[in-house]
Every structure is written in structure tokens, then in C-alpha cells.
Protein backbone atom coordinates (compact mmCIF):
# COMPACT_ATOMS: atom_id res chain seq x y z
CA MET A 1 33.09 -24.02 -0.98
CA GLU A 2 31.32 -20.36 -0.82
CA LYS A 3 28.01 -20.42 -2.70
CA LYS A 4 27.39 -17.38 -4.98
CA PHE A 5 24.13 -15.36 -4.61
CA ASP A 6 21.65 -16.35 -6.81
CA LEU A 7 19.11 -13.43 -7.72
CA LYS A 8 16.61 -16.01 -9.20
CA LEU A 9 16.51 -18.34 -6.33
CA ALA A 10 16.18 -15.03 -3.94
CA TRP A 11 13.37 -13.86 -5.90
CA ASN A 12 11.57 -17.18 -5.88
CA ARG A 13 12.13 -17.45 -2.18
CA PHE A 14 10.48 -13.85 -1.75
CA LYS A 15 7.41 -14.37 -3.93
CA SER A 16 6.81 -17.58 -2.16
CA LYS A 17 6.21 -15.78 1.08
CA GLU A 18 2.80 -15.83 2.51
CA TRP A 19 2.26 -12.24 2.35
CA PHE A 20 3.25 -11.56 -1.23
CA PRO A 21 0.05 -12.01 -2.81
CA THR A 22 -1.69 -9.81 -0.58
CA PHE A 23 1.23 -7.00 -0.92
CA THR A 24 1.15 -7.28 -4.91
CA GLY A 25 -2.52 -7.14 -4.98
CA SER A 26 -2.69 -3.96 -2.84
CA LEU A 27 0.09 -2.47 -4.74
CA LEU A 28 -1.77 -2.89 -8.12
CA ALA A 29 -4.91 -1.70 -6.81
CA ILE A 30 -3.59 1.52 -5.59
CA LEU A 31 -1.58 2.05 -9.07
CA LEU A 32 -4.81 1.53 -10.78
CA GLY A 33 -7.03 3.56 -8.76
CA ILE A 34 -4.49 6.42 -9.20
CA MET A 35 -4.43 6.09 -12.99
CA ILE A 36 -8.31 6.00 -13.06
CA GLY A 37 -8.06 9.17 -10.79
CA ILE A 38 -5.93 10.80 -13.13
CA ILE A 39 -8.14 10.04 -16.08
CA LEU A 40 -11.16 11.41 -14.30
CA ILE A 41 -9.30 14.49 -13.33
CA LEU A 42 -8.21 14.93 -17.35
CA ILE A 43 -12.13 14.68 -18.21
CA LEU A 44 -13.46 16.89 -15.42
CA ASN A 45 -11.13 19.87 -15.83
CA PRO A 46 -8.80 19.49 -18.93
CA SER A 47 -7.35 23.03 -18.43
CA ASN A 48 -6.35 22.67 -15.11
CA ALA A 49 -5.72 18.86 -15.19
CA SER A 50 -1.98 19.36 -14.70
CA LEU A 51 -2.25 21.51 -11.57
CA GLY A 52 -4.86 19.12 -10.11
CA ILE A 53 -2.59 16.01 -10.81
CA GLY A 54 0.30 17.67 -9.21
CA ARG A 55 -1.71 18.72 -6.13
CA LEU A 56 -2.92 15.15 -5.90
CA LEU A 57 0.47 13.29 -6.11
CA LYS A 58 2.15 15.95 -3.89
CA GLY A 59 -0.49 15.33 -1.16
CA SER A 60 0.80 16.44 2.50
CA PHE A 61 3.65 18.37 0.71
CA ASN A 62 1.37 21.04 -0.64
CA HIS A 63 1.23 22.53 2.91
CA PRO A 64 2.03 26.41 2.33
CA ARG A 65 4.36 26.59 5.31
CA GLY A 66 6.58 23.71 4.02
CA GLY A 67 6.70 19.90 3.58
CA MET A 68 7.72 19.14 6.93
CA ILE A 69 4.62 20.79 8.57
CA GLY A 70 2.53 18.98 5.95
CA PHE A 71 4.17 15.76 6.77
CA GLY A 72 3.44 16.37 10.53
CA GLN A 73 -0.16 17.18 9.65
CA LEU A 74 -0.39 13.80 7.68
CA LEU A 75 0.77 11.91 10.93
CA TYR A 76 -1.56 13.83 13.16
CA ASN A 77 -4.49 13.11 11.07
CA SER A 78 -3.52 9.48 10.73
CA THR A 79 -3.17 9.06 14.42
CA PRO A 80 -7.11 8.27 15.22
CA ILE A 81 -7.73 6.62 11.91
CA ILE A 82 -4.84 4.01 12.48
CA LEU A 83 -6.71 3.12 15.79
CA THR A 84 -10.11 2.62 14.24
CA GLY A 85 -8.47 0.90 11.18
CA LEU A 86 -7.03 -1.59 13.67
CA ALA A 87 -10.39 -1.88 15.46
CA VAL A 88 -11.93 -2.98 12.13
CA ALA A 89 -8.92 -5.08 11.22
CA PHE A 90 -8.75 -6.92 14.52
CA ALA A 91 -12.13 -7.89 14.62
CA PHE A 92 -11.99 -9.01 11.05
CA LYS A 93 -9.13 -11.50 11.64
CA THR A 94 -11.18 -12.93 14.59
CA GLY A 95 -14.08 -13.40 12.02
CA LEU A 96 -16.23 -10.44 13.03
CA PHE A 97 -17.11 -7.37 11.13
CA ASN A 98 -16.82 -4.39 13.77
CA ILE A 99 -18.69 -1.61 11.77
CA GLY A 100 -19.14 0.07 15.02
CA ALA A 101 -15.87 1.70 15.62
CA SER A 102 -17.51 5.10 15.08
CA GLY A 103 -19.78 4.55 18.39
CA GLN A 104 -16.65 2.97 20.25
CA TYR A 105 -14.44 6.16 19.02
CA THR A 106 -17.10 8.45 20.23
CA LEU A 107 -17.83 6.80 23.64
CA GLY A 108 -13.98 6.81 24.20
CA LEU A 109 -13.91 10.37 23.32
CA PHE A 110 -16.48 11.21 25.66
CA ALA A 111 -15.14 9.21 28.71
CA ALA A 112 -11.48 10.73 28.17
CA SER A 113 -12.85 14.39 27.99
CA LEU A 114 -14.81 14.05 31.18
CA VAL A 115 -11.28 12.90 32.99
CA GLY A 116 -9.65 15.55 30.83
CA ILE A 117 -11.90 18.50 32.06
CA LEU A 118 -13.08 17.24 35.52
CA GLY A 119 -9.97 15.37 36.76
CA ASP A 120 -7.56 17.87 37.51
CA SER A 121 -6.90 16.44 40.85
CA LEU A 122 -4.98 13.60 38.93
CA GLY A 123 -1.97 15.96 38.20
CA PRO A 124 0.52 14.71 35.64
CA VAL A 125 -0.95 11.12 35.32
CA GLN A 126 -4.39 13.06 34.18
CA TRP A 127 -3.81 12.25 30.26
CA ILE A 128 -2.83 8.59 30.95
CA VAL A 129 -5.81 7.95 33.10
CA ALA A 130 -7.97 9.81 30.50
CA LEU A 131 -6.44 7.72 27.57
CA LEU A 132 -6.97 4.35 29.62
CA VAL A 133 -10.75 5.40 30.53
CA GLY A 134 -11.46 6.31 26.92
CA GLY A 135 -10.11 2.85 25.92
CA LEU A 136 -12.39 1.15 28.61
CA ALA A 137 -15.37 2.88 27.54
CA GLY A 138 -14.73 1.86 23.94
CA ALA A 139 -14.28 -1.65 25.06
CA ILE A 140 -17.72 -1.65 27.12
CA TRP A 141 -19.26 -0.44 23.93
CA GLY A 142 -17.65 -2.99 21.77
CA ALA A 143 -18.41 -5.78 23.94
CA ILE A 144 -22.27 -5.29 23.94
CA PRO A 145 -22.60 -6.20 20.32
CA GLY A 146 -20.18 -9.26 20.79
CA ALA A 147 -22.56 -10.31 23.89
CA PHE A 148 -25.57 -10.31 21.38
CA LYS A 149 -23.48 -12.21 19.11
CA ALA A 150 -22.19 -14.84 21.20
CA PHE A 151 -25.47 -15.45 23.52
CA PHE A 152 -28.31 -14.59 20.78
CA ASN A 153 -26.57 -15.08 17.56
CA VAL A 154 -27.65 -11.46 16.43
CA HIS A 155 -25.34 -10.33 13.58
CA GLU A 156 -22.63 -7.93 14.78
CA VAL A 157 -23.10 -5.70 12.07
CA ILE A 158 -26.71 -4.86 12.74
CA THR A 159 -26.12 -4.13 16.32
CA SER A 160 -22.79 -2.14 15.81
CA ILE A 161 -24.58 -0.11 13.49
CA MET A 162 -27.56 0.43 15.86
CA PHE A 163 -24.99 1.22 18.52
CA ASN A 164 -23.05 3.96 16.53
CA TYR A 165 -26.25 5.86 16.49
CA VAL A 166 -27.19 4.86 20.25
CA GLY A 167 -23.50 6.29 20.84
CA ILE A 168 -23.76 9.73 19.38
CA TYR A 169 -27.12 10.32 20.84
CA PHE A 170 -26.23 9.11 24.33
CA VAL A 171 -23.08 11.24 24.23
CA VAL A 172 -24.67 14.40 23.21
CA GLY A 173 -27.37 13.85 25.40
CA MET A 174 -25.05 13.30 28.58
CA TYR A 175 -23.22 16.59 27.68
CA LYS A 176 -26.41 18.50 27.49
CA SER A 177 -27.54 17.12 30.80
CA ASP A 178 -28.08 19.34 33.67
CA PHE A 179 -25.07 17.51 35.68
CA LEU A 180 -22.47 18.17 32.83
CA ASN A 181 -23.83 21.06 30.80
CA THR A 182 -22.45 23.86 32.81
CA ARG A 183 -19.08 21.94 33.68
CA VAL A 184 -17.90 20.69 30.42
CA ILE A 185 -19.84 23.01 27.76
CA ASN A 186 -18.74 26.14 26.27
CA GLY A 187 -22.13 27.76 25.90
CA THR A 188 -20.82 30.51 23.31
CA THR A 189 -19.43 27.94 20.70
CA ASN A 190 -21.71 24.79 21.57
CA ARG A 191 -18.77 22.59 21.98
CA THR A 192 -17.12 20.89 24.81
CA LEU A 193 -14.31 22.71 26.89
CA VAL A 194 -10.75 21.80 25.88
CA VAL A 195 -9.28 19.38 28.28
CA ASP A 196 -6.87 20.62 31.18
CA GLN A 197 -3.47 21.15 30.21
CA ALA A 198 -1.98 18.10 32.15
CA ALA A 199 -4.56 15.99 30.33
CA ARG A 200 -3.16 16.80 27.10
CA THR A 201 -0.78 14.16 25.34
CA PRO A 202 2.75 15.35 25.37
CA TYR A 203 4.21 16.72 22.17
CA GLY A 204 7.48 14.84 22.86
CA PRO A 205 10.26 15.83 20.16
CA PHE A 206 7.63 16.48 17.25
CA ASN A 207 6.86 20.14 18.13
CA ASP A 208 10.35 20.92 17.38
CA TRP A 209 10.33 18.69 14.34
CA PHE A 210 6.84 19.47 12.84
CA ARG A 211 6.09 22.92 14.48
CA ASN A 212 2.61 23.78 14.31
CA SER A 213 1.48 20.75 12.73
CA GLY A 214 -0.34 19.40 16.09
CA LEU A 215 1.63 16.23 16.10
CA ASP A 216 2.04 14.57 19.38
CA ILE A 217 3.11 11.20 20.80
CA GLY A 218 -0.26 9.84 19.92
CA ILE A 219 1.21 8.52 16.56
CA LEU A 220 3.81 6.60 18.45
CA ILE A 221 0.93 4.99 20.80
CA ALA A 222 -1.02 4.28 17.78
CA MET A 223 1.98 2.52 16.02
CA LEU A 224 2.55 0.64 19.09
CA VAL A 225 -0.79 -0.74 19.56
CA ALA A 226 -0.52 -1.85 16.07
CA VAL A 227 2.48 -3.91 16.96
CA VAL A 228 0.86 -5.40 20.08
CA LEU A 229 -2.05 -6.32 18.16
CA TYR A 230 0.16 -8.10 15.61
CA LEU A 231 2.06 -9.98 18.32
CA VAL A 232 -1.26 -11.09 20.09
CA LEU A 233 -2.91 -12.27 16.98
CA TYR A 234 0.28 -14.05 15.39
CA LYS A 235 2.58 -15.08 18.42
CA THR A 236 0.38 -16.05 21.21
CA VAL A 237 -1.91 -18.89 22.06
CA PHE A 238 -4.87 -16.39 22.94
CA GLY A 239 -4.25 -14.80 19.38
CA ARG A 240 -4.50 -18.43 17.74
CA GLU A 241 -7.60 -19.26 19.59
CA LEU A 242 -9.51 -15.92 18.53
CA ARG A 243 -8.36 -16.59 15.05
CA THR A 244 -9.61 -20.23 15.01
CA VAL A 245 -13.06 -19.09 16.53
CA GLY A 246 -13.01 -16.58 13.32
CA LEU A 247 -12.29 -19.47 10.89
CA ASN A 248 -14.68 -22.07 12.23
CA LYS A 249 -16.61 -21.55 15.54
CA ASP A 250 -17.60 -25.22 15.61
CA ALA A 251 -14.25 -26.54 15.24
CA ALA A 252 -13.09 -24.11 17.90
CA LYS A 253 -15.70 -25.23 20.24
CA TYR A 254 -14.96 -28.94 19.93
CA SER A 255 -11.24 -28.28 20.19
CA GLY A 256 -12.02 -26.97 23.84
CA VAL A 257 -12.14 -23.11 22.97
CA ASN A 258 -14.74 -21.20 24.68
CA GLU A 259 -16.07 -19.44 21.46
CA LYS A 260 -18.71 -17.45 23.32
CA LYS A 261 -16.07 -15.73 25.64
CA ASN A 262 -13.73 -15.13 22.63
CA ILE A 263 -16.20 -13.37 20.53
CA ILE A 264 -17.11 -10.91 23.44
CA LEU A 265 -13.52 -10.56 24.09
CA SER A 266 -12.61 -10.09 20.34
CA MET A 267 -15.21 -6.96 20.27
CA ALA A 268 -14.13 -5.59 23.61
CA ILE A 269 -10.56 -5.47 22.29
CA ALA A 270 -11.55 -3.88 18.99
CA GLY A 271 -13.66 -1.40 21.06
CA PHE A 272 -10.79 -0.38 23.36
CA VAL A 273 -8.59 0.18 20.45
CA ALA A 274 -11.32 2.56 18.81
CA GLY A 275 -11.86 4.20 22.06
CA LEU A 276 -8.04 5.00 22.38
CA GLY A 277 -8.59 6.69 18.93
CA GLY A 278 -11.35 8.95 20.23
CA ALA A 279 -9.37 9.54 23.52
CA LEU A 280 -6.19 10.74 21.43
CA PHE A 281 -8.22 12.80 19.56
CA ILE A 282 -9.88 14.84 22.33
CA LEU A 283 -6.63 14.73 24.35
CA ALA A 284 -4.13 16.00 21.37
CA PRO A 285 -2.73 19.47 22.16
CA SER A 286 -3.23 20.15 18.45
CA ALA A 287 -1.41 22.95 16.79
CA ARG A 288 -0.18 25.89 19.11
CA ASN A 289 -1.39 23.93 22.18
CA LEU A 290 -4.86 25.15 21.94
CA GLY A 291 -6.49 21.64 22.38
CA ASN A 292 -9.61 19.99 20.57
CA ALA A 293 -13.28 20.42 21.41
CA PHE A 294 -16.16 18.19 20.30
CA PRO A 295 -19.17 19.95 18.63
CA LEU A 296 -22.48 18.93 20.07
CA GLU A 297 -23.98 17.55 16.82
CA GLU A 298 -25.69 14.52 16.49
CA VAL A 299 -23.71 13.20 13.72
CA ILE A 300 -21.67 9.97 13.53
CA ALA A 301 -17.88 10.40 13.70
CA SER A 302 -16.44 9.61 10.25
CA ALA A 303 -13.26 8.42 11.75
CA GLY A 304 -14.85 5.02 12.78
CA PHE A 305 -16.06 4.57 8.93
CA ASP A 306 -12.49 5.95 7.63
CA GLY A 307 -10.92 2.88 9.47
CA ILE A 308 -12.94 0.46 7.27
CA PRO A 309 -11.03 1.20 4.04
CA VAL A 310 -7.69 1.17 5.54
CA ALA A 311 -8.25 -2.22 7.09
CA LEU A 312 -9.55 -3.66 4.10
CA LEU A 313 -6.72 -2.30 1.86
CA ALA A 314 -4.30 -3.60 4.32
CA ASN A 315 -5.92 -7.10 4.43
CA ASN A 316 -6.60 -6.49 7.89
CA ASN A 317 -2.99 -6.81 8.74
CA PRO A 318 -2.15 -4.67 11.68
CA ILE A 319 1.19 -3.54 10.61
CA ALA A 320 0.01 -2.64 7.08
CA VAL A 321 -2.90 -0.70 8.55
CA ILE A 322 -0.36 1.94 9.52
CA PHE A 323 0.74 2.30 6.00
CA THR A 324 -2.43 2.31 4.32
CA THR A 325 -3.87 4.94 6.72
CA PHE A 326 -0.54 7.03 5.71
CA PHE A 327 -1.47 6.34 2.02
CA VAL A 328 -5.28 7.25 2.13
CA GLU A 329 -4.46 10.45 4.48
CA TYR A 330 -1.75 11.62 2.05
CA ILE A 331 -4.07 11.47 -0.97
CA LYS A 332 -7.07 13.18 1.05
CA LEU A 333 -4.55 16.03 1.92
CA GLY A 334 -3.80 16.23 -1.86
CA GLY A 335 -7.34 16.33 -2.73
CA SER A 336 -7.91 19.04 -0.15
CA SER A 337 -5.15 21.19 -2.07
CA MET A 338 -7.05 20.31 -5.32
CA GLN A 339 -9.91 22.58 -4.37
CA SER A 340 -7.80 25.73 -5.04
CA VAL A 341 -7.35 24.81 -8.63
CA GLY A 342 -11.01 23.95 -9.37
CA PHE A 343 -11.58 20.54 -8.40
CA VAL A 344 -13.88 19.13 -5.63
CA SER A 345 -12.15 17.05 -2.76
CA GLU A 346 -14.56 14.01 -3.28
CA ILE A 347 -12.37 12.92 -6.25
CA VAL A 348 -10.11 11.21 -3.57
CA ASP A 349 -13.27 9.30 -2.21
CA ILE A 350 -13.71 7.96 -5.56
CA ILE A 351 -10.06 7.11 -5.97
CA VAL A 352 -10.13 5.33 -2.53
CA ALA A 353 -13.34 3.37 -3.49
CA ILE A 354 -11.91 2.34 -6.78
CA ILE A 355 -8.78 1.24 -5.01
CA LEU A 356 -10.74 -0.94 -2.70
CA TYR A 357 -12.62 -2.55 -5.61
CA PHE A 358 -9.48 -3.48 -7.34
CA SER A 359 -7.79 -4.51 -4.23
CA ALA A 360 -10.50 -7.06 -3.62
CA PHE A 361 -10.46 -8.22 -7.25
CA THR A 362 -6.69 -8.41 -7.40
CA LEU A 363 -6.39 -10.05 -4.21
CA PHE A 364 -8.80 -13.00 -5.15
CA MET A 365 -6.93 -13.43 -8.59
CA THR A 366 -3.45 -13.36 -6.78
CA GLN A 367 -4.70 -15.94 -4.20
CA TYR A 368 -6.15 -17.97 -7.12
CA PHE A 369 -3.06 -18.07 -9.36
CA GLY A 370 -0.83 -18.13 -6.35
CA LYS A 371 -2.28 -21.58 -5.42
CA VAL A 372 -1.61 -22.76 -9.00
CA VAL A 373 1.89 -21.61 -9.05
CA LYS A 374 2.91 -22.32 -5.48
CA LYS A 375 3.65 -25.99 -5.97
CA LYS A 376 5.91 -25.00 -9.16
CA ASP A 377 7.87 -22.52 -7.19
CA LYS A 378 8.64 -24.80 -4.30
CA LEU A 379 9.73 -27.47 -7.03
CA VAL A 380 12.09 -24.66 -8.45
CA ILE A 381 13.33 -23.76 -5.19
CA LYS A 382 14.13 -27.39 -4.08
CA LYS A 383 15.79 -28.11 -7.52
CA GLU A 384 18.00 -24.84 -7.33
CA SER A 385 18.96 -25.58 -3.67
CA ASP A 386 20.19 -29.02 -4.63
CA VAL A 387 22.37 -27.80 -7.32
């Protein structure tokens, strides 16, 4: 006899999924954060509140040249943030707090720019070599705090923060050195030269779909990296070992896992991913194929820190990082558009901060109550399956 579809049974199965509490917690946090942001807008500027709320909610679709270009700009802005978010999330999943993504991003950018400017003899593979060299530079920079953690038990938060500063000073100093200054610096703008044409990541079909938005195949690379990291973490023995070290280093050691090696590898992989983010930024053709340049300012790259909230909001799930990045960048573009109607764009930073606090709280509550109702749900499913 053919069984009828039971909506209640399907819902019980759906909400019993392992990821369901995280998803509902993040969704609730986003809704509460936006609601409080709207209240804040109403308080700050009541006369223009409706315009401000409209600009915020329209996000990337506020672009004066049309929604498709705005959406392309959203994807373009998201590319490096997805990768720095993945760098933070991957390390978190292995029990490490990689707050040094900014330094790894900057070293990746630096190395990729050198290959992109000076490696013209590489021909059509110049952009691929530059991308990989950028990732390798980030991996080396990430492995150093990992080594301090593994061999000297120095907390990675301390060393990775320090290496953010060391990284930017090192990069600016190298750019200004006698060896590189005249070869890679534009003295008029005090910025690096843009990379060679062959070193720029291809537009692919995106320039036709989102003309003049700057979007290139970097977004596909970032999303592919997210999928690969997810598969590594959850579908391989190596990933299980990394997560085991993160959960309990002593237990991993007694089960035969080399915890020191895995700590260094975790930070190196995270650094490689952040380095790819920096490389994809400097190698991007940008709008109208003019290329990107790096200003010689001793300021830590914000892209690394922007990766922290998207990783936390995604509960460090590599696939979810893609979507949380899209969300954060969407409301950031909305915040930028709000300035024209009398609001400061920092309102978006407040909204994101509120969302993070609510996300942490709701995740705790859903996990707590999830444990209470999990046994009940299993009993309900079993009884209804037997009917």
C-alpha cells in the first residue's frame, strides 16, 4: 500500500537535522538585528526614516545604473570577504582563533602583486601563478603563529594579532625598498602599479551579465574553495583529525594524531585561503579593466577583520560563510546608499554587531532547548513511522 505524505512527520524530520538549531538561531538573530536597526533609524532621523529604511533594505539594488550592476558589485565585494571568512571559520573548526587573517591577506596581496607586475614572462598562466604564490605567502604567514602555538603553547590570538601589524609594516617596507620601489610603485599616486593584463583574473561571462561591476571569476574560485574546505573537514580522515585536535588535543594525541603538525597545518591552510583573498583582490581587473592598486599606507586591511563576523554568523560552516558574506555585504551597500538621505553608513556596523550578539545568544538557547526536545522528537518520529 502506498504511503501518504505526512507533513507533520516531514517537519519533525526536518527540525531534527543537526544544522537546524544553527540555521534558526542565525535567522532569528538577523531578523532581530534588522528590526532594532529600523528602530534606530526611526530615532535618529524620523523625517527621512522611510527613505533610510528603504535604502537599507534595497541593499545592492540601490545602484543608480540598475540592479544587475548593483548585484554584480555585491558579488565583487564579497569575493575577498568570503575567503577571509573561510580562513577564520576553518581555523575555528579546528579549535584555533585565526584573528590574523588581515596579515595573511596582505602578504597574499603583496606576493601576488609582485608576480603580477614583474612576472610578464609567464604569459597566459601569469594570473594562475600569481594566485597560487599569493596563497602560499598567506600560508607561510599563517603557519608561523601555528608553530608558536604547537611548540611553545603561545596563544594564536596574541601572535596572529602581532603578525597583522608585522605584515603591513613588512609589506609597505618592501614596496618602498630600493629594490622594488622604482619597479612596482607609481610615484605620482603613492600606490602600487596595477598588474599586467595577463595577470588579471578573467571576467568569464560576468562582464556581459554585470557590465562595469568589476565582477570576475574570482567569485567562483571563492565559492569553490568553500566547497573544498567543507569536504575536507567533514568527508575526509584528515579533516576529522583536524577537528579532533580542536575538540580535545590530549584525546587526539592519545589516539595517535600528531597534534603539533595538525595545528601548524590548520593555520597554514587558513593562511593560504586568506592569502587567496588578497591575491584575488589585487589581480581583479575591476570595473572597465583598469586593475586594482594597493596604497602604501601602514593600515591593517579591514578585509581580514570583516571575515570574523561572517564566520561567526555562519557558525563556522564553510558553505554558510558564502551566504552570510552576501548578507553582510548586501546591507553594507544599503548603508552606503543611506548617506544620501542623511544617515551615516556606520548604522550598518551597529546592525551587524547586534546580529552577532543575538546570534550567539539564540544559538546558545536553541542548542540548550534542542537537547531537551531532541529525545521527544525521536520518539515522535519512531511512533509515526510505525503507524
